[in-house]
C-alpha atoms as a PDB file:
ATOM      1  CA  MET A   1     201.088-224.186 -61.335  1.00  0.00           C
ATOM      2  CA  SER A   2     197.522-224.010 -63.009  1.00  0.00           C
ATOM      3  CA  TYR A   3     194.597-224.110 -60.814  1.00  0.00           C
ATOM      4  CA  VAL A   4     192.596-227.444 -61.458  1.00  0.00           C
ATOM      5  CA  PRO A   5     189.237-227.852 -59.607  1.00  0.00           C
ATOM      6  CA  THR A   6     188.372-231.260 -58.467  1.00  0.00           C
ATOM      7  CA  ASP A   7     184.995-231.222 -59.233  1.00  0.00           C
ATOM      8  CA  LEU A   8     185.292-230.919 -63.131  1.00  0.00           C
ATOM      9  CA  ARG A   9     186.291-233.487 -65.936  1.00  0.00           C
ATOM     10  CA  TYR A  10     188.894-232.379 -68.560  1.00  0.00           C
ATOM     11  CA  THR A  11     189.932-232.908 -72.345  1.00  0.00           C
ATOM     12  CA  ASP A  12     193.260-233.415 -73.475  1.00  0.00           C
ATOM     13  CA  GLU A  13     192.601-230.315 -75.775  1.00  0.00           C
ATOM     14  CA  HIS A  14     192.229-228.165 -72.305  1.00  0.00           C
ATOM     15  CA  GLU A  15     188.440-227.748 -72.240  1.00  0.00           C
ATOM     16  CA  TRP A  16     186.591-228.395 -68.857  1.00  0.00           C
ATOM     17  CA  ILE A  17     182.995-229.813 -68.325  1.00  0.00           C
ATOM     18  CA  ARG A  18     180.766-229.570 -65.523  1.00  0.00           C
ATOM     19  CA  THR A  19     177.687-231.626 -65.782  1.00  0.00           C
ATOM     20  CA  GLY A  20     174.546-230.086 -64.087  1.00  0.00           C
ATOM     21  CA  THR A  21     171.788-231.877 -62.197  1.00  0.00           C
ATOM     22  CA  ASP A  22     169.622-231.420 -65.195  1.00  0.00           C
ATOM     23  CA  GLY A  23     172.203-233.301 -67.283  1.00  0.00           C
ATOM     24  CA  ILE A  24     173.127-229.937 -69.369  1.00  0.00           C
ATOM     25  CA  ALA A  25     177.148-229.846 -69.591  1.00  0.00           C
ATOM     26  CA  THR A  26     178.781-226.477 -69.364  1.00  0.00           C
ATOM     27  CA  VAL A  27     181.992-226.209 -71.168  1.00  0.00           C
ATOM     28  CA  GLY A  28     184.984-223.691 -70.803  1.00  0.00           C
ATOM     29  CA  ILE A  29     188.829-223.362 -71.235  1.00  0.00           C
ATOM     30  CA  THR A  30     191.037-224.276 -68.151  1.00  0.00           C
ATOM     31  CA  ASP A  31     193.423-222.194 -66.300  1.00  0.00           C
ATOM     32  CA  HIS A  32     196.325-223.837 -67.898  1.00  0.00           C
ATOM     33  CA  ALA A  33     194.924-222.917 -71.448  1.00  0.00           C
ATOM     34  CA  GLN A  34     194.208-219.312 -70.609  1.00  0.00           C
ATOM     35  CA  LYS A  35     197.716-218.961 -69.216  1.00  0.00           C
ATOM     36  CA  ASN A  36     199.408-220.511 -72.284  1.00  0.00           C
ATOM     37  CA  LEU A  37     197.202-218.356 -74.429  1.00  0.00           C
ATOM     38  CA  GLY A  38     197.952-215.063 -72.862  1.00  0.00           C
ATOM     39  CA  ASP A  39     195.552-212.132 -73.299  1.00  0.00           C
ATOM     40  CA  ILE A  40     192.415-213.519 -74.794  1.00  0.00           C
ATOM     41  CA  VAL A  41     190.691-211.190 -77.432  1.00  0.00           C
ATOM     42  CA  PHE A  42     188.232-213.036 -79.323  1.00  0.00           C
ATOM     43  CA  PHE A  43     186.058-216.248 -79.015  1.00  0.00           C
ATOM     44  CA  GLU A  44     184.071-217.719 -82.037  1.00  0.00           C
ATOM     45  CA  LEU A  45     181.516-220.015 -80.501  1.00  0.00           C
ATOM     46  CA  PRO A  46     179.080-222.756 -81.688  1.00  0.00           C
ATOM     47  CA  ASP A  47     175.528-221.441 -82.679  1.00  0.00           C
ATOM     48  CA  VAL A  48     172.604-222.682 -80.313  1.00  0.00           C
ATOM     49  CA  GLY A  49     171.194-225.573 -81.946  1.00  0.00           C
ATOM     50  CA  ARG A  50     174.185-226.955 -83.562  1.00  0.00           C
ATOM     51  CA  ASP A  51     174.891-230.661 -83.156  1.00  0.00           C
ATOM     52  CA  VAL A  52     178.272-231.138 -82.073  1.00  0.00           C
ATOM     53  CA  GLU A  53     180.407-234.333 -81.756  1.00  0.00           C
ATOM     54  CA  ALA A  54     182.925-235.250 -78.951  1.00  0.00           C
ATOM     55  CA  GLY A  55     186.614-234.565 -80.052  1.00  0.00           C
ATOM     56  CA  HIS A  56     185.664-232.257 -82.947  1.00  0.00           C
ATOM     57  CA  PRO A  57     186.224-228.457 -83.357  1.00  0.00           C
ATOM     58  CA  VAL A  58     183.395-226.315 -82.656  1.00  0.00           C
ATOM     59  CA  GLY A  59     184.838-222.781 -82.405  1.00  0.00           C
ATOM     60  CA  THR A  60     188.025-220.807 -82.083  1.00  0.00           C
ATOM     61  CA  VAL A  61     189.596-218.836 -79.409  1.00  0.00           C
ATOM     62  CA  GLU A  62     192.162-216.068 -80.316  1.00  0.00           C
ATOM     63  CA  SER A  63     194.684-214.258 -78.218  1.00  0.00           C
ATOM     64  CA  VAL A  64     197.545-211.743 -78.584  1.00  0.00           C
ATOM     65  CA  LYS A  65     199.900-214.835 -79.043  1.00  0.00           C
ATOM     66  CA  ALA A  66     197.991-217.135 -80.930  1.00  0.00           C
ATOM     67  CA  ALA A  67     194.485-218.775 -82.385  1.00  0.00           C
ATOM     68  CA  SER A  68     193.401-222.258 -81.381  1.00  0.00           C
ATOM     69  CA  ASP A  69     190.493-224.370 -82.098  1.00  0.00           C
ATOM     70  CA  LEU A  70     187.905-225.354 -79.382  1.00  0.00           C
ATOM     71  CA  TYR A  71     186.696-228.691 -79.173  1.00  0.00           C
ATOM     72  CA  SER A  72     183.380-230.441 -78.053  1.00  0.00           C
ATOM     73  CA  PRO A  73     184.127-232.801 -75.040  1.00  0.00           C
ATOM     74  CA  LEU A  74     180.703-234.355 -75.635  1.00  0.00           C
ATOM     75  CA  THR A  75     178.469-235.238 -78.533  1.00  0.00           C
ATOM     76  CA  GLY A  76     174.959-233.696 -78.296  1.00  0.00           C
ATOM     77  CA  GLU A  77     173.508-230.257 -79.030  1.00  0.00           C
ATOM     78  CA  VAL A  78     174.553-226.794 -78.243  1.00  0.00           C
ATOM     79  CA  VAL A  79     171.619-225.292 -76.022  1.00  0.00           C
ATOM     80  CA  GLU A  80     173.274-221.833 -74.888  1.00  0.00           C
ATOM     81  CA  VAL A  81     176.305-219.854 -75.470  1.00  0.00           C
ATOM     82  CA  ASN A  82     177.734-217.353 -72.831  1.00  0.00           C
ATOM     83  CA  PRO A  83     177.152-213.840 -74.459  1.00  0.00           C
ATOM     84  CA  ASP A  84     179.519-212.276 -71.735  1.00  0.00           C
ATOM     85  CA  VAL A  85     182.622-214.145 -73.096  1.00  0.00           C
ATOM     86  CA  VAL A  86     181.719-212.851 -76.750  1.00  0.00           C
ATOM     87  CA  ASP A  87     181.359-209.330 -75.442  1.00  0.00           C
ATOM     88  CA  GLU A  88     184.268-209.544 -72.949  1.00  0.00           C
ATOM     89  CA  PRO A  89     186.516-212.426 -74.036  1.00  0.00           C
ATOM     90  CA  GLU A  90     189.447-211.058 -71.734  1.00  0.00           C
ATOM     91  CA  ALA A  91     187.032-212.076 -68.700  1.00  0.00           C
ATOM     92  CA  VAL A  92     188.121-215.699 -69.340  1.00  0.00           C
ATOM     93  CA  ASN A  93     191.785-214.690 -68.080  1.00  0.00           C
ATOM     94  CA  SER A  94     190.269-213.418 -64.816  1.00  0.00           C
ATOM     95  CA  ASP A  95     188.448-216.620 -63.791  1.00  0.00           C
ATOM     96  CA  PRO A  96     188.247-219.525 -66.621  1.00  0.00           C
ATOM     97  CA  TYR A  97     186.261-221.589 -64.383  1.00  0.00           C
ATOM     98  CA  VAL A  98     183.312-218.997 -64.042  1.00  0.00           C
ATOM     99  CA  MET A  99     183.350-217.642 -67.331  1.00  0.00           C
ATOM    100  CA  TRP A 100     182.034-220.770 -69.325  1.00  0.00           C
ATOM    101  CA  LEU A 101     181.748-220.750 -73.118  1.00  0.00           C
ATOM    102  CA  PHE A 102     178.709-222.903 -73.943  1.00  0.00           C
ATOM    103  CA  LYS A 103     176.500-225.551 -72.748  1.00  0.00           C
ATOM    104  CA  ILE A 104     175.440-228.884 -74.441  1.00  0.00           C
ATOM    105  CA  ARG A 105     172.578-231.294 -74.054  1.00  0.00           C
ATOM    106  CA  PRO A 106     174.468-234.678 -74.172  1.00  0.00           C
ATOM    107  CA  LYS A 107     173.069-237.166 -76.791  1.00  0.00           C
ATOM    108  CA  LYS A 108     171.578-240.040 -75.189  1.00  0.00           C
ATOM    109  CA  GLY A 109     174.430-242.270 -74.164  1.00  0.00           C
ATOM    110  CA  ALA A 110     177.002-239.626 -74.111  1.00  0.00           C
ATOM    111  CA  SER A 111     178.869-239.214 -71.007  1.00  0.00           C
ATOM    112  CA  PRO A 112     181.670-237.221 -69.457  1.00  0.00           C
ATOM    113  CA  ASN A 113     183.177-240.379 -67.839  1.00  0.00           C
ATOM    114  CA  GLY A 114     185.746-240.871 -70.609  1.00  0.00           C
ATOM    115  CA  LEU A 115     187.235-237.437 -69.893  1.00  0.00           C
ATOM    116  CA  LEU A 116     190.083-236.887 -67.544  1.00  0.00           C
ATOM    117  CA  ASP A 117     189.655-236.213 -63.648  1.00  0.00           C
ATOM    118  CA  ALA A 118     191.662-233.494 -62.035  1.00  0.00           C
ATOM    119  CA  LYS A 119     194.515-235.740 -61.073  1.00  0.00           C
ATOM    120  CA  ALA A 120     194.936-237.142 -64.637  1.00  0.00           C
ATOM    121  CA  TYR A 121     194.659-233.616 -66.094  1.00  0.00           C
ATOM    122  CA  GLN A 122     197.190-232.452 -63.579  1.00  0.00           C
ATOM    123  CA  LYS A 123     199.625-235.106 -64.657  1.00  0.00           C
ATOM    124  CA  LEU A 124     198.892-234.168 -68.363  1.00  0.00           C
ATOM    125  CA  ILE A 125     199.838-230.691 -67.851  1.00  0.00           C
ATOM    126  CA  ALA A 126     202.824-231.507 -65.655  1.00  0.00           C
ATOM    127  CA  GLU A 127     204.083-233.574 -68.556  1.00  0.00           C
ATOM    128  CA  GLY A 128     203.271-231.002 -71.356  1.00  0.00           C
END
């Protein structure tokens, strides 16, 4: 069974989001996603300053098994990318909830409230 922290929100596409006290949202891929992908070898992340829209592709993750799109969980602006995952993409396999991918400043009115909580995400991956 995949580990699903209860303090995060999740997308149907297996991204997680953690909103900081400053309103900035940190985004990564879930434990379930990294297990299904296998050994991750490459990330293409969105550029800082890029406007992103919830549910739309913003990058790519590649593993020895497959390539998959990364989706933005919120509408807003990318304010930071994690250079460590670009340099060492395999580190996400070790701890996907520490090795975040990028951060978004949500557009006014954008909220993670429509995303899945841990219980709903666990149900999604159990059915999948």
